PDB file of all heavy atoms in Angstrom:
ATOM      1  N   VAL A   1       0.842  -1.203   0.000  1.00  0.00           N
ATOM      2  CA  VAL A   1       0.000   0.000   0.000  1.00  0.00           C
ATOM      3  C   VAL A   1       0.877   1.252   0.000  1.00  0.00           C
ATOM      4  O   VAL A   1       0.619   2.200  -0.753  1.00  0.00           O
ATOM      5  CB  VAL A   1      -0.963  -0.012   1.209  1.00  0.00           C
ATOM      6  CG1 VAL A   1      -1.623   1.334   1.406  1.00  0.00           C
ATOM      7  CG2 VAL A   1      -1.999  -1.113   1.053  1.00  0.00           C
ATOM      8  N   GLU A   2       1.922   1.263   0.807  1.00  0.00           N
ATOM      9  CA  GLU A   2       2.819   2.426   0.867  1.00  0.00           C
ATOM     10  C   GLU A   2       3.511   2.669  -0.469  1.00  0.00           C
ATOM     11  O   GLU A   2       3.620   3.810  -0.920  1.00  0.00           O
ATOM     12  CB  GLU A   2       3.876   2.225   1.953  1.00  0.00           C
ATOM     13  CG  GLU A   2       3.342   2.403   3.353  1.00  0.00           C
ATOM     14  CD  GLU A   2       4.397   2.106   4.411  1.00  0.00           C
ATOM     15  OE1 GLU A   2       5.609   2.100   4.069  1.00  0.00           O
ATOM     16  OE2 GLU A   2       4.007   1.886   5.562  1.00  0.00           O
ATOM     17  N   ARG A   3       3.981   1.608  -1.120  1.00  0.00           N
ATOM     18  CA  ARG A   3       4.657   1.774  -2.419  1.00  0.00           C
ATOM     19  C   ARG A   3       3.708   2.296  -3.489  1.00  0.00           C
ATOM     20  O   ARG A   3       4.071   3.162  -4.272  1.00  0.00           O
ATOM     21  CB  ARG A   3       5.259   0.451  -2.871  1.00  0.00           C
ATOM     22  CG  ARG A   3       6.506   0.107  -2.125  1.00  0.00           C
ATOM     23  CD  ARG A   3       7.184  -1.052  -2.753  1.00  0.00           C
ATOM     24  NE  ARG A   3       8.344  -1.426  -1.955  1.00  0.00           N
ATOM     25  CZ  ARG A   3       9.259  -2.274  -2.352  1.00  0.00           C
ATOM     26  NH1 ARG A   3       9.170  -2.847  -3.529  1.00  0.00           N
ATOM     27  NH2 ARG A   3      10.278  -2.572  -1.587  1.00  0.00           N
ATOM     28  N   ILE A   4       2.495   1.762  -3.522  1.00  0.00           N
ATOM     29  CA  ILE A   4       1.522   2.226  -4.516  1.00  0.00           C
ATOM     30  C   ILE A   4       1.142   3.667  -4.234  1.00  0.00           C
ATOM     31  O   ILE A   4       1.063   4.490  -5.151  1.00  0.00           O
ATOM     32  CB  ILE A   4       0.279   1.313  -4.540  1.00  0.00           C
ATOM     33  CG1 ILE A   4       0.673  -0.086  -5.041  1.00  0.00           C
ATOM     34  CG2 ILE A   4      -0.816   1.913  -5.418  1.00  0.00           C
ATOM     35  CD1 ILE A   4      -0.432  -1.119  -4.908  1.00  0.00           C
ATOM     36  N   ALA A   5       0.915   4.002  -2.977  1.00  0.00           N
ATOM     37  CA  ALA A   5       0.570   5.374  -2.611  1.00  0.00           C
ATOM     38  C   ALA A   5       1.719   6.327  -2.939  1.00  0.00           C
ATOM     39  O   ALA A   5       1.485   7.466  -3.370  1.00  0.00           O
ATOM     40  CB  ALA A   5       0.221   5.453  -1.130  1.00  0.00           C
ATOM     41  N   GLY A   6       2.953   5.870  -2.765  1.00  0.00           N
ATOM     42  CA  GLY A   6       4.119   6.704  -3.089  1.00  0.00           C
ATOM     43  C   GLY A   6       4.235   6.981  -4.577  1.00  0.00           C
ATOM     44  O   GLY A   6       4.683   8.048  -4.992  1.00  0.00           O
ATOM     45  N   ARG A   7       3.820   6.023  -5.405  1.00  0.00           N
ATOM     46  CA  ARG A   7       3.874   6.195  -6.866  1.00  0.00           C
ATOM     47  C   ARG A   7       2.712   7.011  -7.391  1.00  0.00           C
ATOM     48  O   ARG A   7       2.761   7.503  -8.508  1.00  0.00           O
ATOM     49  CB  ARG A   7       3.842   4.839  -7.555  1.00  0.00           C
ATOM     50  CG  ARG A   7       5.121   4.078  -7.458  1.00  0.00           C
ATOM     51  CD  ARG A   7       4.980   2.808  -8.230  1.00  0.00           C
ATOM     52  NE  ARG A   7       6.260   2.177  -8.430  1.00  0.00           N
ATOM     53  CZ  ARG A   7       6.446   1.150  -9.208  1.00  0.00           C
ATOM     54  NH1 ARG A   7       5.440   0.618  -9.877  1.00  0.00           N
ATOM     55  NH2 ARG A   7       7.632   0.628  -9.347  1.00  0.00           N
ATOM     56  N   SER A   8       1.647   7.104  -6.618  1.00  0.00           N
ATOM     57  CA  SER A   8       0.432   7.800  -7.059  1.00  0.00           C
ATOM     58  C   SER A   8       0.108   8.919  -6.079  1.00  0.00           C
ATOM     59  O   SER A   8      -0.716   8.757  -5.179  1.00  0.00           O
ATOM     60  CB  SER A   8      -0.744   6.822  -7.125  1.00  0.00           C
ATOM     61  OG  SER A   8      -0.407   5.688  -7.875  1.00  0.00           O
ATOM     62  N   PRO A   9       0.741  10.082  -6.234  1.00  0.00           N
ATOM     63  CA  PRO A   9       0.545  11.162  -5.254  1.00  0.00           C
ATOM     64  C   PRO A   9      -0.885  11.702  -5.200  1.00  0.00           C
ATOM     65  O   PRO A   9      -1.271  12.304  -4.199  1.00  0.00           O
ATOM     66  CB  PRO A   9       1.526  12.239  -5.711  1.00  0.00           C
ATOM     67  CG  PRO A   9       1.881  11.899  -7.107  1.00  0.00           C
ATOM     68  CD  PRO A   9       1.651  10.445  -7.300  1.00  0.00           C
ATOM     69  N   ARG A  10      -1.690  11.460  -6.224  1.00  0.00           N
ATOM     70  CA  ARG A  10      -3.073  11.944  -6.220  1.00  0.00           C
ATOM     71  C   ARG A  10      -3.983  11.105  -5.333  1.00  0.00           C
ATOM     72  O   ARG A  10      -5.062  11.543  -4.968  1.00  0.00           O
ATOM     73  CB  ARG A  10      -3.650  11.941  -7.628  1.00  0.00           C
ATOM     74  CG  ARG A  10      -3.003  12.927  -8.540  1.00  0.00           C
ATOM     75  CD  ARG A  10      -3.709  12.928  -9.858  1.00  0.00           C
ATOM     76  NE  ARG A  10      -2.933  13.631 -10.855  1.00  0.00           N
ATOM     77  CZ  ARG A  10      -3.182  13.616 -12.123  1.00  0.00           C
ATOM     78  NH1 ARG A  10      -4.202  12.921 -12.589  1.00  0.00           N
ATOM     79  NH2 ARG A  10      -2.441  14.290 -12.971  1.00  0.00           N
ATOM     80  N   LEU A  11      -3.562   9.887  -5.033  1.00  0.00           N
ATOM     81  CA  LEU A  11      -4.389   8.990  -4.222  1.00  0.00           C
ATOM     82  C   LEU A  11      -3.962   9.040  -2.755  1.00  0.00           C
ATOM     83  O   LEU A  11      -2.775   9.050  -2.451  1.00  0.00           O
ATOM     84  CB  LEU A  11      -4.258   7.540  -4.717  1.00  0.00           C
ATOM     85  CG  LEU A  11      -4.769   7.233  -6.113  1.00  0.00           C
ATOM     86  CD1 LEU A  11      -4.432   5.797  -6.481  1.00  0.00           C
ATOM     87  CD2 LEU A  11      -6.271   7.459  -6.181  1.00  0.00           C
ATOM     88  N   TYR A  12      -4.959   9.077  -1.891  1.00  0.00           N
ATOM     89  CA  TYR A  12      -4.673   9.006  -0.465  1.00  0.00           C
ATOM     90  C   TYR A  12      -4.337   7.562  -0.100  1.00  0.00           C
ATOM     91  O   TYR A  12      -4.807   6.627  -0.738  1.00  0.00           O
ATOM     92  CB  TYR A  12      -5.888   9.450   0.360  1.00  0.00           C
ATOM     93  CG  TYR A  12      -6.210  10.912   0.207  1.00  0.00           C
ATOM     94  CD1 TYR A  12      -7.357  11.323  -0.443  1.00  0.00           C
ATOM     95  CD2 TYR A  12      -5.361  11.879   0.749  1.00  0.00           C
ATOM     96  CE1 TYR A  12      -7.659  12.659  -0.578  1.00  0.00           C
ATOM     97  CE2 TYR A  12      -5.650  13.225   0.615  1.00  0.00           C
ATOM     98  CZ  TYR A  12      -6.812  13.610  -0.050  1.00  0.00           C
ATOM     99  OH  TYR A  12      -7.097  14.936  -0.184  1.00  0.00           O
ATOM    100  N   GLN A  13      -3.539   7.404   0.940  1.00  0.00           N
ATOM    101  CA  GLN A  13      -3.132   6.062   1.343  1.00  0.00           C
ATOM    102  C   GLN A  13      -4.347   5.206   1.722  1.00  0.00           C
ATOM    103  O   GLN A  13      -4.398   4.027   1.406  1.00  0.00           O
ATOM    104  CB  GLN A  13      -2.147   6.128   2.506  1.00  0.00           C
ATOM    105  CG  GLN A  13      -1.575   4.771   2.854  1.00  0.00           C
ATOM    106  CD  GLN A  13      -0.359   4.849   3.730  1.00  0.00           C
ATOM    107  OE1 GLN A  13       0.264   5.895   3.851  1.00  0.00           O
ATOM    108  NE2 GLN A  13       0.001   3.738   4.345  1.00  0.00           N
ATOM    109  N   ARG A  14      -5.345   5.795   2.357  1.00  0.00           N
ATOM    110  CA  ARG A  14      -6.531   5.007   2.743  1.00  0.00           C
ATOM    111  C   ARG A  14      -7.302   4.536   1.510  1.00  0.00           C
ATOM    112  O   ARG A  14      -7.895   3.465   1.516  1.00  0.00           O
ATOM    113  CB  ARG A  14      -7.425   5.791   3.691  1.00  0.00           C
ATOM    114  CG  ARG A  14      -8.125   6.968   3.075  1.00  0.00           C
ATOM    115  CD  ARG A  14      -9.083   7.635   4.053  1.00  0.00           C
ATOM    116  NE  ARG A  14      -9.733   8.753   3.427  1.00  0.00           N
ATOM    117  CZ  ARG A  14      -9.288   9.997   3.443  1.00  0.00           C
ATOM    118  NH1 ARG A  14      -8.170  10.285   4.091  1.00  0.00           N
ATOM    119  NH2 ARG A  14      -9.942  10.952   2.822  1.00  0.00           N
ATOM    120  N   ASP A  15      -7.283   5.339   0.424  1.00  0.00           N
ATOM    121  CA  ASP A  15      -7.936   4.915  -0.815  1.00  0.00           C
ATOM    122  C   ASP A  15      -7.185   3.737  -1.444  1.00  0.00           C
ATOM    123  O   ASP A  15      -7.795   2.791  -1.919  1.00  0.00           O
ATOM    124  CB  ASP A  15      -8.010   6.073  -1.815  1.00  0.00           C
ATOM    125  CG  ASP A  15      -8.923   7.192  -1.335  1.00  0.00           C
ATOM    126  OD1 ASP A  15      -9.834   6.908  -0.520  1.00  0.00           O
ATOM    127  OD2 ASP A  15      -8.726   8.341  -1.775  1.00  0.00           O
ATOM    128  N   VAL A  16      -5.855   3.807  -1.436  1.00  0.00           N
ATOM    129  CA  VAL A  16      -5.042   2.716  -1.965  1.00  0.00           C
ATOM    130  C   VAL A  16      -5.279   1.456  -1.129  1.00  0.00           C
ATOM    131  O   VAL A  16      -5.410   0.354  -1.667  1.00  0.00           O
ATOM    132  CB  VAL A  16      -3.544   3.091  -1.983  1.00  0.00           C
ATOM    133  CG1 VAL A  16      -2.684   1.904  -2.374  1.00  0.00           C
ATOM    134  CG2 VAL A  16      -3.289   4.258  -2.912  1.00  0.00           C
ATOM    135  N   GLU A  17      -5.370   1.621   0.186  1.00  0.00           N
ATOM    136  CA  GLU A  17      -5.645   0.500   1.077  1.00  0.00           C
ATOM    137  C   GLU A  17      -6.980  -0.155   0.730  1.00  0.00           C
ATOM    138  O   GLU A  17      -7.090  -1.382   0.683  1.00  0.00           O
ATOM    139  CB  GLU A  17      -5.682   1.016   2.517  1.00  0.00           C
ATOM    140  CG  GLU A  17      -5.120   0.087   3.533  1.00  0.00           C
ATOM    141  CD  GLU A  17      -4.958   0.795   4.860  1.00  0.00           C
ATOM    142  OE1 GLU A  17      -4.082   1.688   4.962  1.00  0.00           O
ATOM    143  OE2 GLU A  17      -5.710   0.452   5.782  1.00  0.00           O
ATOM    144  N   ASN A  18      -8.000   0.660   0.466  1.00  0.00           N
ATOM    145  CA  ASN A  18      -9.314   0.136   0.081  1.00  0.00           C
ATOM    146  C   ASN A  18      -9.256  -0.589  -1.265  1.00  0.00           C
ATOM    147  O   ASN A  18      -9.900  -1.622  -1.444  1.00  0.00           O
ATOM    148  CB  ASN A  18     -10.347   1.256   0.025  1.00  0.00           C
ATOM    149  CG  ASN A  18     -10.685   1.799   1.397  1.00  0.00           C
ATOM    150  OD1 ASN A  18     -10.519   1.122   2.411  1.00  0.00           O
ATOM    151  ND2 ASN A  18     -11.151   3.038   1.448  1.00  0.00           N
ATOM    152  N   ILE A  19      -8.500  -0.055  -2.204  1.00  0.00           N
ATOM    153  CA  ILE A  19      -8.370  -0.675  -3.527  1.00  0.00           C
ATOM    154  C   ILE A  19      -7.678  -2.025  -3.413  1.00  0.00           C
ATOM    155  O   ILE A  19      -8.147  -3.026  -3.963  1.00  0.00           O
ATOM    156  CB  ILE A  19      -7.604   0.258  -4.501  1.00  0.00           C
ATOM    157  CG1 ILE A  19      -8.455   1.498  -4.811  1.00  0.00           C
ATOM    158  CG2 ILE A  19      -7.224  -0.471  -5.773  1.00  0.00           C
ATOM    159  CD1 ILE A  19      -7.681   2.614  -5.499  1.00  0.00           C
ATOM    160  N   VAL A  20      -6.562  -2.080  -2.683  1.00  0.00           N
ATOM    161  CA  VAL A  20      -5.827  -3.334  -2.506  1.00  0.00           C
ATOM    162  C   VAL A  20      -6.712  -4.362  -1.800  1.00  0.00           C
ATOM    163  O   VAL A  20      -6.783  -5.528  -2.212  1.00  0.00           O
ATOM    164  CB  VAL A  20      -4.508  -3.097  -1.734  1.00  0.00           C
ATOM    165  CG1 VAL A  20      -3.866  -4.407  -1.313  1.00  0.00           C
ATOM    166  CG2 VAL A  20      -3.538  -2.288  -2.577  1.00  0.00           C
ATOM    167  N   SER A  21      -7.423  -3.941  -0.763  1.00  0.00           N
ATOM    168  CA  SER A  21      -8.319  -4.854  -0.042  1.00  0.00           C
ATOM    169  C   SER A  21      -9.436  -5.360  -0.945  1.00  0.00           C
ATOM    170  O   SER A  21      -9.806  -6.543  -0.881  1.00  0.00           O
ATOM    171  CB  SER A  21      -8.918  -4.161   1.180  1.00  0.00           C
ATOM    172  OG  SER A  21      -7.921  -3.910   2.133  1.00  0.00           O
ATOM    173  N   ALA A  22      -9.970  -4.484  -1.795  1.00  0.00           N
ATOM    174  CA  ALA A  22     -11.042  -4.886  -2.710  1.00  0.00           C
ATOM    175  C   ALA A  22     -10.532  -5.914  -3.728  1.00  0.00           C
ATOM    176  O   ALA A  22     -11.210  -6.908  -4.000  1.00  0.00           O
ATOM    177  CB  ALA A  22     -11.602  -3.668  -3.429  1.00  0.00           C
ATOM    178  N   ILE A  23      -9.360  -5.690  -4.264  1.00  0.00           N
ATOM    179  CA  ILE A  23      -8.796  -6.625  -5.250  1.00  0.00           C
ATOM    180  C   ILE A  23      -8.551  -7.984  -4.604  1.00  0.00           C
ATOM    181  O   ILE A  23      -8.954  -9.023  -5.140  1.00  0.00           O
ATOM    182  CB  ILE A  23      -7.491  -6.061  -5.855  1.00  0.00           C
ATOM    183  CG1 ILE A  23      -7.808  -4.869  -6.753  1.00  0.00           C
ATOM    184  CG2 ILE A  23      -6.741  -7.136  -6.645  1.00  0.00           C
ATOM    185  CD1 ILE A  23      -6.595  -4.088  -7.200  1.00  0.00           C
ATOM    186  N   LEU A  24      -7.887  -7.995  -3.447  1.00  0.00           N
ATOM    187  CA  LEU A  24      -7.601  -9.260  -2.777  1.00  0.00           C
ATOM    188  C   LEU A  24      -8.888  -9.952  -2.321  1.00  0.00           C
ATOM    189  O   LEU A  24      -8.991 -11.182  -2.385  1.00  0.00           O
ATOM    190  CB  LEU A  24      -6.662  -9.027  -1.597  1.00  0.00           C
ATOM    191  CG  LEU A  24      -5.268  -8.513  -1.961  1.00  0.00           C
ATOM    192  CD1 LEU A  24      -4.444  -8.254  -0.711  1.00  0.00           C
ATOM    193  CD2 LEU A  24      -4.558  -9.468  -2.888  1.00  0.00           C
ATOM    194  N   GLY A  25      -9.872  -9.164  -1.901  1.00  0.00           N
ATOM    195  CA  GLY A  25     -11.156  -9.724  -1.499  1.00  0.00           C
ATOM    196  C   GLY A  25     -11.886 -10.376  -2.658  1.00  0.00           C
ATOM    197  O   GLY A  25     -12.482 -11.452  -2.515  1.00  0.00           O
ATOM    198  N   GLU A  26     -11.830  -9.755  -3.831  1.00  0.00           N
ATOM    199  CA  GLU A  26     -12.469 -10.333  -5.020  1.00  0.00           C
ATOM    200  C   GLU A  26     -11.773 -11.613  -5.461  1.00  0.00           C
ATOM    201  O   GLU A  26     -12.420 -12.563  -5.892  1.00  0.00           O
ATOM    202  CB  GLU A  26     -12.495  -9.324  -6.168  1.00  0.00           C
ATOM    203  CG  GLU A  26     -13.554  -8.259  -6.013  1.00  0.00           C
ATOM    204  CD  GLU A  26     -14.955  -8.838  -5.921  1.00  0.00           C
ATOM    205  OE1 GLU A  26     -15.315  -9.731  -6.721  1.00  0.00           O
ATOM    206  OE2 GLU A  26     -15.698  -8.415  -5.022  1.00  0.00           O
ATOM    207  N   ILE A  27     -10.447 -11.643  -5.368  1.00  0.00           N
ATOM    208  CA  ILE A  27      -9.719 -12.863  -5.707  1.00  0.00           C
ATOM    209  C   ILE A  27     -10.129 -13.985  -4.756  1.00  0.00           C
ATOM    210  O   ILE A  27     -10.425 -15.105  -5.187  1.00  0.00           O
ATOM    211  CB  ILE A  27      -8.186 -12.629  -5.670  1.00  0.00           C
ATOM    212  CG1 ILE A  27      -7.765 -11.714  -6.822  1.00  0.00           C
ATOM    213  CG2 ILE A  27      -7.420 -13.950  -5.735  1.00  0.00           C
ATOM    214  CD1 ILE A  27      -6.330 -11.256  -6.758  1.00  0.00           C
ATOM    215  N   ALA A  28     -10.183 -13.695  -3.453  1.00  0.00           N
ATOM    216  CA  ALA A  28     -10.573 -14.708  -2.462  1.00  0.00           C
ATOM    217  C   ALA A  28     -12.007 -15.172  -2.682  1.00  0.00           C
ATOM    218  O   ALA A  28     -12.298 -16.375  -2.595  1.00  0.00           O
ATOM    219  CB  ALA A  28     -10.398 -14.152  -1.052  1.00  0.00           C
ATOM    220  N   ALA A  29     -12.914 -14.245  -2.999  1.00  0.00           N
ATOM    221  CA  ALA A  29     -14.313 -14.614  -3.231  1.00  0.00           C
ATOM    222  C   ALA A  29     -14.452 -15.494  -4.471  1.00  0.00           C
ATOM    223  O   ALA A  29     -15.219 -16.458  -4.483  1.00  0.00           O
ATOM    224  CB  ALA A  29     -15.168 -13.348  -3.373  1.00  0.00           C
ATOM    225  N   ALA A  30     -13.704 -15.167  -5.518  1.00  0.00           N
ATOM    226  CA  ALA A  30     -13.746 -15.973  -6.743  1.00  0.00           C
ATOM    227  C   ALA A  30     -13.241 -17.386  -6.471  1.00  0.00           C
ATOM    228  O   ALA A  30     -13.829 -18.363  -6.945  1.00  0.00           O
ATOM    229  CB  ALA A  30     -12.917 -15.309  -7.841  1.00  0.00           C
ATOM    230  N   LEU A  31     -12.171 -17.505  -5.700  1.00  0.00           N
ATOM    231  CA  LEU A  31     -11.645 -18.825  -5.370  1.00  0.00           C
ATOM    232  C   LEU A  31     -12.641 -19.614  -4.523  1.00  0.00           C
ATOM    233  O   LEU A  31     -12.798 -20.817  -4.707  1.00  0.00           O
ATOM    234  CB  LEU A  31     -10.310 -18.704  -4.633  1.00  0.00           C
ATOM    235  CG  LEU A  31      -9.146 -18.152  -5.446  1.00  0.00           C
ATOM    236  CD1 LEU A  31      -7.905 -18.020  -4.575  1.00  0.00           C
ATOM    237  CD2 LEU A  31      -8.860 -19.015  -6.653  1.00  0.00           C
ATOM    238  N   ALA A  32     -13.334 -18.929  -3.620  1.00  0.00           N
ATOM    239  CA  ALA A  32     -14.341 -19.596  -2.781  1.00  0.00           C
ATOM    240  C   ALA A  32     -15.495 -20.121  -3.633  1.00  0.00           C
ATOM    241  O   ALA A  32     -16.085 -21.154  -3.316  1.00  0.00           O
ATOM    242  CB  ALA A  32     -14.857 -18.631  -1.717  1.00  0.00           C
ATOM    243  N   ARG A  33     -15.812 -19.422  -4.718  1.00  0.00           N
ATOM    244  CA  ARG A  33     -16.872 -19.876  -5.636  1.00  0.00           C
ATOM    245  C   ARG A  33     -16.385 -20.981  -6.564  1.00  0.00           C
ATOM    246  O   ARG A  33     -17.164 -21.573  -7.298  1.00  0.00           O
ATOM    247  CB  ARG A  33     -17.363 -18.709  -6.496  1.00  0.00           C
ATOM    248  CG  ARG A  33     -18.168 -17.671  -5.778  1.00  0.00           C
ATOM    249  CD  ARG A  33     -18.800 -16.682  -6.761  1.00  0.00           C
ATOM    250  NE  ARG A  33     -17.841 -16.072  -7.667  1.00  0.00           N
ATOM    251  CZ  ARG A  33     -17.219 -14.920  -7.466  1.00  0.00           C
ATOM    252  NH1 ARG A  33     -17.447 -14.236  -6.361  1.00  0.00           N
ATOM    253  NH2 ARG A  33     -16.382 -14.443  -8.365  1.00  0.00           N
ATOM    254  N   GLY A  34     -15.081 -21.217  -6.585  1.00  0.00           N
ATOM    255  CA  GLY A  34     -14.511 -22.228  -7.478  1.00  0.00           C
ATOM    256  C   GLY A  34     -14.069 -21.663  -8.805  1.00  0.00           C
ATOM    257  O   GLY A  34     -13.728 -22.416  -9.719  1.00  0.00           O
ATOM    258  N   ASP A  35     -14.041 -20.341  -8.944  1.00  0.00           N
ATOM    259  CA  ASP A  35     -13.609 -19.692 -10.188  1.00  0.00           C
ATOM    260  C   ASP A  35     -12.091 -19.566 -10.221  1.00  0.00           C
ATOM    261  O   ASP A  35     -11.413 -19.595  -9.196  1.00  0.00           O
ATOM    262  CB  ASP A  35     -14.214 -18.292 -10.301  1.00  0.00           C
ATOM    263  CG  ASP A  35     -15.717 -18.310 -10.438  1.00  0.00           C
ATOM    264  OD1 ASP A  35     -16.265 -19.365 -10.797  1.00  0.00           O
ATOM    265  OD2 ASP A  35     -16.341 -17.264 -10.171  1.00  0.00           O
ATOM    266  N   ARG A  36     -11.567 -19.378 -11.422  1.00  0.00           N
ATOM    267  CA  ARG A  36     -10.164 -19.084 -11.670  1.00  0.00           C
ATOM    268  C   ARG A  36     -10.009 -17.585 -11.822  1.00  0.00           C
ATOM    269  O   ARG A  36     -10.871 -16.931 -12.392  1.00  0.00           O
ATOM    270  CB  ARG A  36      -9.773 -19.695 -13.016  1.00  0.00           C
ATOM    271  CG  ARG A  36      -8.970 -20.890 -12.987  1.00  0.00           C
ATOM    272  CD  ARG A  36      -8.788 -21.391 -14.434  1.00  0.00           C
ATOM    273  NE  ARG A  36      -7.407 -21.236 -14.800  1.00  0.00           N
ATOM    274  CZ  ARG A  36      -6.976 -20.661 -15.893  1.00  0.00           C
ATOM    275  NH1 ARG A  36      -7.801 -20.170 -16.769  1.00  0.00           N
ATOM    276  NH2 ARG A  36      -5.705 -20.584 -16.131  1.00  0.00           N
ATOM    277  N   VAL A  37      -8.895 -17.041 -11.369  1.00  0.00           N
ATOM    278  CA  VAL A  37      -8.606 -15.623 -11.564  1.00  0.00           C
ATOM    279  C   VAL A  37      -7.303 -15.533 -12.337  1.00  0.00           C
ATOM    280  O   VAL A  37      -6.254 -15.971 -11.856  1.00  0.00           O
ATOM    281  CB  VAL A  37      -8.474 -14.881 -10.217  1.00  0.00           C
ATOM    282  CG1 VAL A  37      -8.126 -13.423 -10.450  1.00  0.00           C
ATOM    283  CG2 VAL A  37      -9.741 -15.015  -9.406  1.00  0.00           C
ATOM    284  N   GLU A  38      -7.376 -14.989 -13.548  1.00  0.00           N
ATOM    285  CA  GLU A  38      -6.200 -14.879 -14.404  1.00  0.00           C
ATOM    286  C   GLU A  38      -5.833 -13.418 -14.551  1.00  0.00           C
ATOM    287  O   GLU A  38      -6.630 -12.605 -15.011  1.00  0.00           O
ATOM    288  CB  GLU A  38      -6.490 -15.479 -15.775  1.00  0.00           C
ATOM    289  CG  GLU A  38      -5.312 -15.456 -16.688  1.00  0.00           C
ATOM    290  CD  GLU A  38      -5.596 -16.136 -18.017  1.00  0.00           C
ATOM    291  OE1 GLU A  38      -6.531 -16.956 -18.086  1.00  0.00           O
ATOM    292  OE2 GLU A  38      -4.874 -15.821 -18.979  1.00  0.00           O
ATOM    293  N   LEU A  39      -4.615 -13.091 -14.151  1.00  0.00           N
ATOM    294  CA  LEU A  39      -4.086 -11.738 -14.305  1.00  0.00           C
ATOM    295  C   LEU A  39      -2.966 -11.819 -15.335  1.00  0.00           C
ATOM    296  O   LEU A  39      -1.874 -12.301 -15.040  1.00  0.00           O
ATOM    297  CB  LEU A  39      -3.562 -11.208 -12.966  1.00  0.00           C
ATOM    298  CG  LEU A  39      -4.574 -11.171 -11.823  1.00  0.00           C
ATOM    299  CD1 LEU A  39      -3.896 -10.798 -10.521  1.00  0.00           C
ATOM    300  CD2 LEU A  39      -5.701 -10.218 -12.146  1.00  0.00           C
TER     301      LEU A  39
END
């Protein structure tokens, strides 16, 4: 979160934290449903 926030001065650290949590949460939810996540 700190590295991403450091690279993106327009974003607040709490916003980056929410984005990272949302991405990881969606990956976990997809795996719980039995889906594959391809990045």
